[in-house]
Amino acid sequence: MTITEFNASLQLTQPPADLSPALEALWWDAKEEWNRAHDIAQDIRDNAGSWIHAYLHRKEGDNLNAEYWYDRAGKHMPPVPLQEEWHQITAELLSASAK
């Protein structure tokens, strides 16, 4: 799936069935369903889950919690707007899933 196809899927009421949990969390976040996205992200036990979890807490405004999760993901809080970070995470995960 490309980022264009992923963004087009946001017109649906449910995420595509073949999305990984990480991409599903990002899909729900884009639909302004923060709690649903967070519930999914906190159950993902890898770096991608930690990165999404960090992003979600940054979006929430809880930077202390976000820093914890960025550290777990092996990343730093980026100096970019939230929408740009969402795009970076989504594009990276889509690229990895296409391999």
Protein backbone atom coordinates (compact mmCIF):
# COMPACT_ATOMS: atom_id res chain seq x y z
CA MET A 1 0.00 0.00 0.00
CA THR A 2 1.28 3.47 -0.85
CA ILE A 3 0.87 6.56 1.32
CA THR A 4 -1.62 7.83 -1.27
CA GLU A 5 -3.69 4.65 -0.95
CA PHE A 6 -3.42 4.80 2.84
CA ASN A 7 -4.66 8.41 2.85
CA ALA A 8 -7.50 7.49 0.48
CA SER A 9 -8.56 4.73 2.89
CA LEU A 10 -9.24 7.42 5.49
CA GLN A 11 -12.53 8.03 3.67
CA LEU A 12 -13.69 4.60 4.87
CA THR A 13 -15.43 4.04 8.20
CA GLN A 14 -13.13 1.14 9.15
CA PRO A 15 -9.44 0.58 8.43
CA PRO A 16 -8.45 -1.81 5.66
CA ALA A 17 -8.34 -5.36 7.02
CA ASP A 18 -4.73 -5.97 5.99
CA LEU A 19 -3.16 -3.16 8.05
CA SER A 20 -0.64 -4.03 10.72
CA PRO A 21 -1.58 -2.92 14.24
CA ALA A 22 0.93 -0.04 13.96
CA LEU A 23 -0.63 1.24 10.74
CA GLU A 24 -4.10 0.71 12.18
CA ALA A 25 -3.18 2.93 15.15
CA LEU A 26 -2.00 5.65 12.76
CA TRP A 27 -5.18 5.22 10.71
CA TRP A 28 -7.37 5.78 13.79
CA ASP A 29 -5.25 8.76 14.83
CA ALA A 30 -5.80 10.35 11.42
CA LYS A 31 -9.54 9.85 11.98
CA GLU A 32 -9.24 11.88 15.23
CA GLU A 33 -9.73 8.74 17.33
CA TRP A 34 -6.79 9.35 19.71
CA ASN A 35 -7.99 6.94 22.41
CA ARG A 36 -8.50 4.11 19.95
CA ALA A 37 -5.07 4.76 18.40
CA HIS A 38 -3.46 4.85 21.85
CA ASP A 39 -5.14 1.60 22.94
CA ILE A 40 -3.68 -0.15 19.90
CA ALA A 41 -0.23 1.45 20.15
CA GLN A 42 0.28 0.59 23.80
CA ASP A 43 -0.15 -3.10 23.00
CA ILE A 44 2.53 -3.11 20.26
CA ARG A 45 5.75 -4.36 21.83
CA ASP A 46 8.33 -3.16 19.32
CA ASN A 47 10.08 0.06 18.27
CA ALA A 48 7.28 1.01 15.89
CA GLY A 49 4.74 0.76 18.69
CA SER A 50 6.94 2.84 20.97
CA TRP A 51 7.40 5.46 18.25
CA ILE A 52 3.66 5.73 17.64
CA HIS A 53 3.04 5.79 21.38
CA ALA A 54 5.56 8.65 21.70
CA TYR A 55 3.95 10.57 18.84
CA LEU A 56 0.50 10.16 20.40
CA HIS A 57 1.66 11.48 23.77
CA ARG A 58 3.39 14.38 22.02
CA LYS A 59 0.11 15.11 20.25
CA GLU A 60 -1.68 14.93 23.59
CA GLY A 61 0.76 17.50 24.98
CA ASP A 62 2.32 15.09 27.49
CA ASN A 63 5.94 15.68 26.47
CA LEU A 64 7.43 13.96 29.52
CA ASN A 65 5.62 10.73 28.69
CA ALA A 66 6.41 11.23 25.00
CA GLU A 67 10.14 11.52 25.78
CA TYR A 68 10.00 8.18 27.62
CA TRP A 69 8.46 6.48 24.59
CA TYR A 70 10.80 8.16 22.10
CA ASP A 71 13.68 6.80 24.17
CA ARG A 72 12.16 3.30 24.09
CA ALA A 73 11.85 3.63 20.30
CA GLY A 74 15.49 4.73 20.00
CA LYS A 75 14.43 8.14 18.73
CA HIS A 76 14.34 11.77 19.79
CA MET A 77 11.34 14.06 19.86
CA PRO A 78 11.44 15.66 16.40
CA PRO A 79 11.36 19.41 15.86
CA VAL A 80 8.68 19.05 13.17
CA PRO A 81 4.92 19.63 13.19
CA LEU A 82 2.78 16.69 14.30
CA GLN A 83 1.34 16.19 10.81
CA GLU A 84 4.84 15.87 9.38
CA GLU A 85 5.82 13.32 12.00
CA TRP A 86 2.62 11.33 11.34
CA HIS A 87 3.52 11.30 7.65
CA GLN A 88 7.11 10.19 8.41
CA ILE A 89 6.00 7.33 10.64
CA THR A 90 3.29 6.19 8.24
CA ALA A 91 5.56 6.33 5.18
CA GLU A 92 8.33 4.41 6.96
CA LEU A 93 5.96 1.68 8.16
CA LEU A 94 4.30 1.37 4.75
CA SER A 95 7.71 1.11 3.11
CA ALA A 96 8.78 -1.60 5.56
CA SER A 97 5.57 -3.56 5.02
CA ALA A 98 6.08 -3.50 1.24
CA LYS A 99 9.42 -5.34 1.50
